[in-house]
């Protein structure tokens, strides 16, 4: 019964959040990526390739239980969250790039996430992963809670553009609230265990988060077109889709401990990202 909340709420919340993301998208967001591919490619490499590699190096350096280590890989594999779009706006960053990155990385996540997690599990020698869940089946499930709602959101937007544009902020707020509900429900249910987990997962989550914000910022500094792109890529690297990470963890494991790094990371990333936004907001 304990896992009920996570297994029932997380997929639903994720689908609604992804639908909200789709509502903010037009075909131009995808076309822009083709027109100015450089900024997108830098962001993509930072998020999809560098982030999991750095996470893996960290779990090798810092001693921690295998479950926590694999939990860290799950959050590292997750795409950027919708929160990154909202915070990029506050930071006066490139919102269009943020939205394109979140959308495309989310859609590709049905391939990248299972690949990263299954590879990490093999490298770490974790055997208790639900073997009957293949890469294909988890990709299919993700397709239904990630890709389908995004496409559906885009269709709805194209049909009722003016209405949606006026309501975008409300939709984004609902997404953030849903995200919080998923995490608060995990916290409330598992409070007694969480403190001990946080002491184990908190440090690695904090290091991973800060390292990625810096790597995103400085990689973008050398390879992208400007400051707005730098802020955006930094936030994309630092903010992960925690709801998606919880969803994947519940699909693959029957133990709450795998979700702990996600919960720790979610808390930490809000704090660090807001501090980061306040610092870079003034930089033009």
C-alpha atoms as a PDB file:
ATOM      1  CA  UNK A   1       0.000   0.000   0.000  1.00  0.00           C
ATOM      2  CA  UNK A   2       2.916   2.300   0.749  1.00  0.00           C
ATOM      3  CA  UNK A   3       3.892   2.459  -2.898  1.00  0.00           C
ATOM      4  CA  UNK A   4       0.330   3.220  -4.014  1.00  0.00           C
ATOM      5  CA  UNK A   5       0.767   7.001  -3.943  1.00  0.00           C
ATOM      6  CA  UNK A   6       3.967   6.938  -5.923  1.00  0.00           C
ATOM      7  CA  UNK A   7       2.747   4.425  -8.501  1.00  0.00           C
ATOM      8  CA  UNK A   8      -0.659   6.052  -8.973  1.00  0.00           C
ATOM      9  CA  UNK A   9       0.047   9.755  -8.541  1.00  0.00           C
ATOM     10  CA  UNK A  10       3.424   9.966 -10.280  1.00  0.00           C
ATOM     11  CA  UNK A  11       2.323   8.747 -13.755  1.00  0.00           C
ATOM     12  CA  UNK A  12      -0.789  10.900 -13.674  1.00  0.00           C
ATOM     13  CA  UNK A  13       1.083  13.987 -12.474  1.00  0.00           C
ATOM     14  CA  UNK A  14       3.784  13.349 -15.056  1.00  0.00           C
ATOM     15  CA  UNK A  15       1.251  13.072 -17.877  1.00  0.00           C
ATOM     16  CA  UNK A  16      -0.423  16.338 -16.818  1.00  0.00           C
ATOM     17  CA  UNK A  17       2.954  18.089 -16.497  1.00  0.00           C
ATOM     18  CA  UNK A  18       3.989  16.887 -19.965  1.00  0.00           C
ATOM     19  CA  UNK A  19       0.619  17.961 -21.375  1.00  0.00           C
ATOM     20  CA  UNK A  20       1.301  21.411 -19.886  1.00  0.00           C
ATOM     21  CA  UNK A  21       4.687  21.407 -21.595  1.00  0.00           C
ATOM     22  CA  UNK A  22       3.032  20.539 -24.914  1.00  0.00           C
ATOM     23  CA  UNK A  23       0.607  23.442 -24.474  1.00  0.00           C
ATOM     24  CA  UNK A  24       3.565  25.789 -24.477  1.00  0.00           C
ATOM     25  CA  UNK A  25       5.016  24.374 -27.693  1.00  0.00           C
ATOM     26  CA  UNK A  26       4.619  25.139 -31.355  1.00  0.00           C
ATOM     27  CA  UNK A  27       6.295  23.554 -34.364  1.00  0.00           C
ATOM     28  CA  UNK A  28       8.528  26.641 -34.478  1.00  0.00           C
ATOM     29  CA  UNK A  29      10.196  25.500 -31.258  1.00  0.00           C
ATOM     30  CA  UNK A  30      11.408  22.415 -33.087  1.00  0.00           C
ATOM     31  CA  UNK A  31      12.245  24.295 -36.288  1.00  0.00           C
ATOM     32  CA  UNK A  32      14.349  26.800 -34.348  1.00  0.00           C
ATOM     33  CA  UNK A  33      16.556  23.923 -33.227  1.00  0.00           C
ATOM     34  CA  UNK A  34      17.262  23.112 -36.875  1.00  0.00           C
ATOM     35  CA  UNK A  35      17.953  26.771 -37.668  1.00  0.00           C
ATOM     36  CA  UNK A  36      20.312  27.444 -34.730  1.00  0.00           C
ATOM     37  CA  UNK A  37      21.508  23.952 -33.900  1.00  0.00           C
ATOM     38  CA  UNK A  38      24.637  24.979 -31.992  1.00  0.00           C
ATOM     39  CA  UNK A  39      23.001  26.198 -28.786  1.00  0.00           C
ATOM     40  CA  UNK A  40      20.714  23.199 -28.736  1.00  0.00           C
ATOM     41  CA  UNK A  41      23.522  20.693 -29.341  1.00  0.00           C
ATOM     42  CA  UNK A  42      25.598  22.155 -26.495  1.00  0.00           C
ATOM     43  CA  UNK A  43      22.622  21.932 -24.136  1.00  0.00           C
ATOM     44  CA  UNK A  44      21.811  18.433 -25.316  1.00  0.00           C
ATOM     45  CA  UNK A  45      25.366  17.148 -24.812  1.00  0.00           C
ATOM     46  CA  UNK A  46      25.565  18.703 -21.330  1.00  0.00           C
ATOM     47  CA  UNK A  47      22.300  17.145 -20.270  1.00  0.00           C
ATOM     48  CA  UNK A  48      22.129  13.781 -21.966  1.00  0.00           C
ATOM     49  CA  UNK A  49      25.812  12.833 -22.053  1.00  0.00           C
ATOM     50  CA  UNK A  50      27.810  14.832 -19.482  1.00  0.00           C
ATOM     51  CA  UNK A  51      25.265  14.678 -16.651  1.00  0.00           C
ATOM     52  CA  UNK A  52      25.053  10.845 -16.472  1.00  0.00           C
ATOM     53  CA  UNK A  53      28.846  10.529 -16.868  1.00  0.00           C
ATOM     54  CA  UNK A  54      29.496  12.958 -14.015  1.00  0.00           C
ATOM     55  CA  UNK A  55      26.845  11.269 -11.877  1.00  0.00           C
ATOM     56  CA  UNK A  56      28.539   7.925 -12.501  1.00  0.00           C
ATOM     57  CA  UNK A  57      31.967   9.302 -11.571  1.00  0.00           C
ATOM     58  CA  UNK A  58      30.488  10.722  -8.338  1.00  0.00           C
ATOM     59  CA  UNK A  59      28.836   7.477  -7.269  1.00  0.00           C
ATOM     60  CA  UNK A  60      32.159   5.741  -7.846  1.00  0.00           C
ATOM     61  CA  UNK A  61      34.085   8.281  -5.738  1.00  0.00           C
ATOM     62  CA  UNK A  62      31.638   8.769  -2.860  1.00  0.00           C
ATOM     63  CA  UNK A  63      30.930   5.610  -0.862  1.00  0.00           C
ATOM     64  CA  UNK A  64      27.176   4.860  -0.778  1.00  0.00           C
ATOM     65  CA  UNK A  65      24.785   1.902  -0.844  1.00  0.00           C
ATOM     66  CA  UNK A  66      24.096   0.470  -4.308  1.00  0.00           C
ATOM     67  CA  UNK A  67      20.412   1.478  -4.127  1.00  0.00           C
ATOM     68  CA  UNK A  68      21.352   5.103  -3.538  1.00  0.00           C
ATOM     69  CA  UNK A  69      23.935   4.930  -6.338  1.00  0.00           C
ATOM     70  CA  UNK A  70      21.398   3.631  -8.818  1.00  0.00           C
ATOM     71  CA  UNK A  71      18.859   6.181  -7.582  1.00  0.00           C
ATOM     72  CA  UNK A  72      21.383   8.905  -8.420  1.00  0.00           C
ATOM     73  CA  UNK A  73      21.693   7.485 -11.944  1.00  0.00           C
ATOM     74  CA  UNK A  74      17.896   7.536 -12.320  1.00  0.00           C
ATOM     75  CA  UNK A  75      17.715  11.262 -11.522  1.00  0.00           C
ATOM     76  CA  UNK A  76      20.754  11.928 -13.730  1.00  0.00           C
ATOM     77  CA  UNK A  77      19.094  10.128 -16.630  1.00  0.00           C
ATOM     78  CA  UNK A  78      15.865  12.115 -16.328  1.00  0.00           C
ATOM     79  CA  UNK A  79      15.347  15.020 -18.730  1.00  0.00           C
ATOM     80  CA  UNK A  80      15.079  18.616 -17.549  1.00  0.00           C
ATOM     81  CA  UNK A  81      11.850  19.492 -15.801  1.00  0.00           C
ATOM     82  CA  UNK A  82       9.190  22.026 -16.709  1.00  0.00           C
ATOM     83  CA  UNK A  83      10.484  24.044 -13.744  1.00  0.00           C
ATOM     84  CA  UNK A  84      13.571  24.890 -15.811  1.00  0.00           C
ATOM     85  CA  UNK A  85      11.379  26.757 -18.311  1.00  0.00           C
ATOM     86  CA  UNK A  86       9.771  28.833 -15.572  1.00  0.00           C
ATOM     87  CA  UNK A  87      13.093  29.630 -13.873  1.00  0.00           C
ATOM     88  CA  UNK A  88      14.825  30.415 -17.176  1.00  0.00           C
ATOM     89  CA  UNK A  89      12.158  33.063 -17.679  1.00  0.00           C
ATOM     90  CA  UNK A  90      12.873  34.520 -14.220  1.00  0.00           C
ATOM     91  CA  UNK A  91      16.613  34.491 -14.918  1.00  0.00           C
ATOM     92  CA  UNK A  92      16.057  36.402 -18.183  1.00  0.00           C
ATOM     93  CA  UNK A  93      17.486  33.448 -20.064  1.00  0.00           C
ATOM     94  CA  UNK A  94      16.602  32.020 -23.468  1.00  0.00           C
ATOM     95  CA  UNK A  95      13.131  30.609 -22.770  1.00  0.00           C
ATOM     96  CA  UNK A  96      12.629  29.322 -26.305  1.00  0.00           C
ATOM     97  CA  UNK A  97      15.839  27.296 -26.077  1.00  0.00           C
ATOM     98  CA  UNK A  98      14.819  26.019 -22.644  1.00  0.00           C
ATOM     99  CA  UNK A  99      11.444  24.870 -23.950  1.00  0.00           C
ATOM    100  CA  UNK A 100      13.015  23.216 -27.013  1.00  0.00           C
ATOM    101  CA  UNK A 101      15.573  21.402 -24.863  1.00  0.00           C
ATOM    102  CA  UNK A 102      12.993  20.223 -22.342  1.00  0.00           C
ATOM    103  CA  UNK A 103      10.653  19.074 -25.107  1.00  0.00           C
ATOM    104  CA  UNK A 104      13.144  17.264 -27.312  1.00  0.00           C
ATOM    105  CA  UNK A 105      15.140  15.715 -24.461  1.00  0.00           C
ATOM    106  CA  UNK A 106      11.839  14.599 -22.864  1.00  0.00           C
ATOM    107  CA  UNK A 107      10.649  12.990 -26.074  1.00  0.00           C
ATOM    108  CA  UNK A 108      14.019  11.274 -26.586  1.00  0.00           C
ATOM    109  CA  UNK A 109      14.060  10.237 -22.921  1.00  0.00           C
ATOM    110  CA  UNK A 110      11.928   7.228 -23.800  1.00  0.00           C
ATOM    111  CA  UNK A 111      15.154   5.885 -25.358  1.00  0.00           C
ATOM    112  CA  UNK A 112      17.910   7.575 -23.333  1.00  0.00           C
ATOM    113  CA  UNK A 113      16.541   6.978 -19.815  1.00  0.00           C
ATOM    114  CA  UNK A 114      16.179   3.171 -20.002  1.00  0.00           C
ATOM    115  CA  UNK A 115      19.523   2.945 -21.783  1.00  0.00           C
ATOM    116  CA  UNK A 116      21.382   4.971 -19.119  1.00  0.00           C
ATOM    117  CA  UNK A 117      19.701   3.180 -16.211  1.00  0.00           C
ATOM    118  CA  UNK A 118      20.113  -0.368 -17.529  1.00  0.00           C
ATOM    119  CA  UNK A 119      23.745   0.321 -18.452  1.00  0.00           C
ATOM    120  CA  UNK A 120      24.470   1.794 -15.000  1.00  0.00           C
ATOM    121  CA  UNK A 121      22.758  -1.159 -13.317  1.00  0.00           C
ATOM    122  CA  UNK A 122      24.983  -3.555 -15.258  1.00  0.00           C
ATOM    123  CA  UNK A 123      28.121  -1.555 -14.494  1.00  0.00           C
ATOM    124  CA  UNK A 124      27.195  -1.416 -10.798  1.00  0.00           C
ATOM    125  CA  UNK A 125      26.240  -5.076 -10.755  1.00  0.00           C
ATOM    126  CA  UNK A 126      22.696  -4.438  -9.516  1.00  0.00           C
ATOM    127  CA  UNK A 127      20.683  -7.604 -10.024  1.00  0.00           C
ATOM    128  CA  UNK A 128      17.362  -6.788  -8.367  1.00  0.00           C
ATOM    129  CA  UNK A 129      16.155  -4.613 -11.210  1.00  0.00           C
ATOM    130  CA  UNK A 130      12.856  -5.993 -12.488  1.00  0.00           C
ATOM    131  CA  UNK A 131      14.311  -8.113 -15.253  1.00  0.00           C
ATOM    132  CA  UNK A 132      10.923  -8.779 -16.772  1.00  0.00           C
ATOM    133  CA  UNK A 133      10.779  -5.053 -17.449  1.00  0.00           C
ATOM    134  CA  UNK A 134      12.789  -4.679 -20.602  1.00  0.00           C
ATOM    135  CA  UNK A 135      14.151  -1.477 -22.067  1.00  0.00           C
ATOM    136  CA  UNK A 136      11.332  -1.728 -24.596  1.00  0.00           C
ATOM    137  CA  UNK A 137       8.526  -1.994 -22.064  1.00  0.00           C
ATOM    138  CA  UNK A 138       9.757   0.924 -19.953  1.00  0.00           C
ATOM    139  CA  UNK A 139      10.185   2.957 -23.154  1.00  0.00           C
ATOM    140  CA  UNK A 140       6.616   2.154 -24.139  1.00  0.00           C
ATOM    141  CA  UNK A 141       5.260   3.182 -20.745  1.00  0.00           C
ATOM    142  CA  UNK A 142       7.278   6.396 -20.901  1.00  0.00           C
ATOM    143  CA  UNK A 143       5.996   7.015 -24.407  1.00  0.00           C
ATOM    144  CA  UNK A 144       2.434   7.062 -23.049  1.00  0.00           C
ATOM    145  CA  UNK A 145       3.106   9.336 -20.079  1.00  0.00           C
ATOM    146  CA  UNK A 146       5.706  11.585 -21.731  1.00  0.00           C
ATOM    147  CA  UNK A 147       5.419  11.792 -25.519  1.00  0.00           C
ATOM    148  CA  UNK A 148       1.686  11.337 -26.028  1.00  0.00           C
ATOM    149  CA  UNK A 149       0.688  14.140 -23.591  1.00  0.00           C
ATOM    150  CA  UNK A 150       3.244  16.507 -25.192  1.00  0.00           C
ATOM    151  CA  UNK A 151       1.832  15.861 -28.671  1.00  0.00           C
ATOM    152  CA  UNK A 152      -1.713  16.116 -27.349  1.00  0.00           C
ATOM    153  CA  UNK A 153      -0.837  19.436 -25.668  1.00  0.00           C
ATOM    154  CA  UNK A 154       0.592  20.756 -28.936  1.00  0.00           C
ATOM    155  CA  UNK A 155      -2.561  19.789 -30.829  1.00  0.00           C
ATOM    156  CA  UNK A 156      -4.786  21.479 -28.241  1.00  0.00           C
ATOM    157  CA  UNK A 157      -2.625  24.586 -28.435  1.00  0.00           C
ATOM    158  CA  UNK A 158      -2.817  24.793 -32.209  1.00  0.00           C
ATOM    159  CA  UNK A 159      -6.607  24.595 -31.973  1.00  0.00           C
ATOM    160  CA  UNK A 160      -7.045  27.223 -29.256  1.00  0.00           C
ATOM    161  CA  UNK A 161      -3.892  29.317 -29.378  1.00  0.00           C
ATOM    162  CA  UNK A 162      -5.126  32.609 -27.878  1.00  0.00           C
ATOM    163  CA  UNK A 163      -6.855  30.958 -24.954  1.00  0.00           C
ATOM    164  CA  UNK A 164      -3.821  28.804 -24.149  1.00  0.00           C
ATOM    165  CA  UNK A 165      -1.332  31.665 -24.415  1.00  0.00           C
ATOM    166  CA  UNK A 166      -3.386  33.667 -21.920  1.00  0.00           C
ATOM    167  CA  UNK A 167      -3.497  30.722 -19.541  1.00  0.00           C
ATOM    168  CA  UNK A 168       0.135  29.584 -19.849  1.00  0.00           C
ATOM    169  CA  UNK A 169       1.189  30.869 -16.431  1.00  0.00           C
ATOM    170  CA  UNK A 170      -1.665  29.085 -14.699  1.00  0.00           C
ATOM    171  CA  UNK A 171      -0.780  25.866 -16.521  1.00  0.00           C
ATOM    172  CA  UNK A 172       2.875  26.187 -15.499  1.00  0.00           C
ATOM    173  CA  UNK A 173       1.884  26.789 -11.884  1.00  0.00           C
ATOM    174  CA  UNK A 174      -0.371  23.725 -11.895  1.00  0.00           C
ATOM    175  CA  UNK A 175       2.596  21.701 -13.195  1.00  0.00           C
ATOM    176  CA  UNK A 176       4.854  22.919 -10.389  1.00  0.00           C
ATOM    177  CA  UNK A 177       2.143  22.234  -7.775  1.00  0.00           C
ATOM    178  CA  UNK A 178       1.652  18.678  -9.087  1.00  0.00           C
ATOM    179  CA  UNK A 179       5.382  18.134  -8.936  1.00  0.00           C
ATOM    180  CA  UNK A 180       5.371  19.245  -5.285  1.00  0.00           C
ATOM    181  CA  UNK A 181       2.402  16.980  -4.456  1.00  0.00           C
ATOM    182  CA  UNK A 182       4.262  13.907  -5.721  1.00  0.00           C
ATOM    183  CA  UNK A 183       7.247  14.737  -3.543  1.00  0.00           C
ATOM    184  CA  UNK A 184       5.329  15.750  -0.454  1.00  0.00           C
ATOM    185  CA  UNK A 185       3.366  12.507  -0.639  1.00  0.00           C
ATOM    186  CA  UNK A 186       6.601  10.501  -0.725  1.00  0.00           C
ATOM    187  CA  UNK A 187       8.005  12.547   2.149  1.00  0.00           C
ATOM    188  CA  UNK A 188       4.927  12.125   4.309  1.00  0.00           C
ATOM    189  CA  UNK A 189       4.717   8.393   3.683  1.00  0.00           C
ATOM    190  CA  UNK A 190       8.344   7.599   4.274  1.00  0.00           C
ATOM    191  CA  UNK A 191       9.331  10.274   6.777  1.00  0.00           C
ATOM    192  CA  UNK A 192      10.979   7.922   9.271  1.00  0.00           C
ATOM    193  CA  UNK A 193      13.292   6.463   6.617  1.00  0.00           C
ATOM    194  CA  UNK A 194      13.908   9.665   4.749  1.00  0.00           C
ATOM    195  CA  UNK A 195      16.155  11.377   7.258  1.00  0.00           C
ATOM    196  CA  UNK A 196      18.658   8.533   7.177  1.00  0.00           C
ATOM    197  CA  UNK A 197      18.493   8.476   3.395  1.00  0.00           C
ATOM    198  CA  UNK A 198      19.008  12.200   3.054  1.00  0.00           C
ATOM    199  CA  UNK A 199      22.163  11.988   5.095  1.00  0.00           C
ATOM    200  CA  UNK A 200      23.358   9.409   2.571  1.00  0.00           C
ATOM    201  CA  UNK A 201      21.931  10.838  -0.658  1.00  0.00           C
ATOM    202  CA  UNK A 202      21.918  14.535   0.178  1.00  0.00           C
ATOM    203  CA  UNK A 203      25.642  15.081  -0.271  1.00  0.00           C
ATOM    204  CA  UNK A 204      25.912  13.386  -3.644  1.00  0.00           C
ATOM    205  CA  UNK A 205      22.738  15.122  -4.850  1.00  0.00           C
ATOM    206  CA  UNK A 206      24.108  18.510  -3.787  1.00  0.00           C
ATOM    207  CA  UNK A 207      27.498  17.935  -5.434  1.00  0.00           C
ATOM    208  CA  UNK A 208      25.919  16.631  -8.641  1.00  0.00           C
ATOM    209  CA  UNK A 209      23.542  19.566  -8.808  1.00  0.00           C
ATOM    210  CA  UNK A 210      26.158  22.263  -8.253  1.00  0.00           C
ATOM    211  CA  UNK A 211      28.729  20.631 -10.545  1.00  0.00           C
ATOM    212  CA  UNK A 212      26.147  20.414 -13.329  1.00  0.00           C
ATOM    213  CA  UNK A 213      25.036  24.036 -12.957  1.00  0.00           C
ATOM    214  CA  UNK A 214      28.696  25.080 -13.294  1.00  0.00           C
ATOM    215  CA  UNK A 215      29.473  22.725 -16.160  1.00  0.00           C
ATOM    216  CA  UNK A 216      26.348  23.854 -17.996  1.00  0.00           C
ATOM    217  CA  UNK A 217      27.275  27.488 -17.445  1.00  0.00           C
ATOM    218  CA  UNK A 218      30.905  27.254 -18.492  1.00  0.00           C
ATOM    219  CA  UNK A 219      30.399  24.867 -21.396  1.00  0.00           C
ATOM    220  CA  UNK A 220      27.743  27.227 -22.699  1.00  0.00           C
ATOM    221  CA  UNK A 221      30.048  30.187 -22.111  1.00  0.00           C
ATOM    222  CA  UNK A 222      32.548  28.811 -24.608  1.00  0.00           C
ATOM    223  CA  UNK A 223      30.255  27.208 -27.136  1.00  0.00           C
ATOM    224  CA  UNK A 224      26.940  29.063 -27.348  1.00  0.00           C
ATOM    225  CA  UNK A 225      25.845  32.392 -28.702  1.00  0.00           C
ATOM    226  CA  UNK A 226      25.357  34.412 -25.524  1.00  0.00           C
ATOM    227  CA  UNK A 227      24.469  35.013 -21.900  1.00  0.00           C
ATOM    228  CA  UNK A 228      20.789  34.108 -22.244  1.00  0.00           C
ATOM    229  CA  UNK A 229      21.739  30.692 -23.616  1.00  0.00           C
ATOM    230  CA  UNK A 230      24.255  30.222 -20.802  1.00  0.00           C
ATOM    231  CA  UNK A 231      21.613  30.808 -18.135  1.00  0.00           C
ATOM    232  CA  UNK A 232      19.213  28.479 -19.900  1.00  0.00           C
ATOM    233  CA  UNK A 233      21.637  25.556 -20.339  1.00  0.00           C
ATOM    234  CA  UNK A 234      22.832  25.916 -16.775  1.00  0.00           C
ATOM    235  CA  UNK A 235      19.288  25.582 -15.462  1.00  0.00           C
ATOM    236  CA  UNK A 236      18.481  22.741 -17.858  1.00  0.00           C
ATOM    237  CA  UNK A 237      21.477  20.836 -16.481  1.00  0.00           C
ATOM    238  CA  UNK A 238      20.644  21.577 -12.859  1.00  0.00           C
ATOM    239  CA  UNK A 239      16.890  20.966 -12.883  1.00  0.00           C
ATOM    240  CA  UNK A 240      15.736  17.437 -13.575  1.00  0.00           C
ATOM    241  CA  UNK A 241      12.244  16.044 -14.098  1.00  0.00           C
ATOM    242  CA  UNK A 242      11.842  14.495 -10.651  1.00  0.00           C
ATOM    243  CA  UNK A 243       8.346  13.214 -11.374  1.00  0.00           C
ATOM    244  CA  UNK A 244       9.696  11.243 -14.313  1.00  0.00           C
ATOM    245  CA  UNK A 245      12.518   9.865 -12.147  1.00  0.00           C
ATOM    246  CA  UNK A 246       9.980   8.703  -9.536  1.00  0.00           C
ATOM    247  CA  UNK A 247       7.874   7.120 -12.267  1.00  0.00           C
ATOM    248  CA  UNK A 248      10.862   5.202 -13.659  1.00  0.00           C
ATOM    249  CA  UNK A 249      12.019   4.126 -10.186  1.00  0.00           C
ATOM    250  CA  UNK A 250       8.553   2.748  -9.326  1.00  0.00           C
ATOM    251  CA  UNK A 251       8.455   0.839 -12.607  1.00  0.00           C
ATOM    252  CA  UNK A 252      11.825  -0.797 -12.062  1.00  0.00           C
ATOM    253  CA  UNK A 253      12.058  -1.373  -8.325  1.00  0.00           C
ATOM    254  CA  UNK A 254       9.752  -2.257  -5.491  1.00  0.00           C
ATOM    255  CA  UNK A 255      11.759  -0.375  -2.901  1.00  0.00           C
ATOM    256  CA  UNK A 256      11.338   3.263  -1.904  1.00  0.00           C
ATOM    257  CA  UNK A 257      15.086   3.695  -1.349  1.00  0.00           C
ATOM    258  CA  UNK A 258      15.676   4.044  -5.104  1.00  0.00           C
ATOM    259  CA  UNK A 259      13.543   7.183  -5.076  1.00  0.00           C
ATOM    260  CA  UNK A 260      15.433   8.828  -2.273  1.00  0.00           C
ATOM    261  CA  UNK A 261      18.153  10.500  -4.339  1.00  0.00           C
ATOM    262  CA  UNK A 262      15.348  11.893  -6.504  1.00  0.00           C
ATOM    263  CA  UNK A 263      13.583  13.339  -3.468  1.00  0.00           C
ATOM    264  CA  UNK A 264      16.863  14.729  -2.123  1.00  0.00           C
ATOM    265  CA  UNK A 265      17.805  16.132  -5.523  1.00  0.00           C
ATOM    266  CA  UNK A 266      14.373  17.686  -6.019  1.00  0.00           C
ATOM    267  CA  UNK A 267      14.640  19.585  -2.752  1.00  0.00           C
ATOM    268  CA  UNK A 268      18.203  20.679  -3.331  1.00  0.00           C
ATOM    269  CA  UNK A 269      17.708  21.694  -6.962  1.00  0.00           C
ATOM    270  CA  UNK A 270      14.918  24.097  -6.042  1.00  0.00           C
ATOM    271  CA  UNK A 271      17.130  25.858  -3.535  1.00  0.00           C
ATOM    272  CA  UNK A 272      20.298  25.986  -5.649  1.00  0.00           C
ATOM    273  CA  UNK A 273      18.432  26.980  -8.809  1.00  0.00           C
ATOM    274  CA  UNK A 274      16.643  29.846  -7.122  1.00  0.00           C
ATOM    275  CA  UNK A 275      19.949  31.087  -5.676  1.00  0.00           C
ATOM    276  CA  UNK A 276      21.505  30.719  -9.145  1.00  0.00           C
ATOM    277  CA  UNK A 277      18.622  32.649 -10.755  1.00  0.00           C
ATOM    278  CA  UNK A 278      18.975  35.485  -8.239  1.00  0.00           C
ATOM    279  CA  UNK A 279      22.710  35.684  -8.938  1.00  0.00           C
ATOM    280  CA  UNK A 280      22.561  35.594 -12.748  1.00  0.00           C
ATOM    281  CA  UNK A 281      19.383  37.572 -13.183  1.00  0.00           C
ATOM    282  CA  UNK A 282      21.358  40.815 -13.274  1.00  0.00           C
ATOM    283  CA  UNK A 283      23.974  39.544 -15.724  1.00  0.00           C
ATOM    284  CA  UNK A 284      23.312  40.706 -19.258  1.00  0.00           C
END
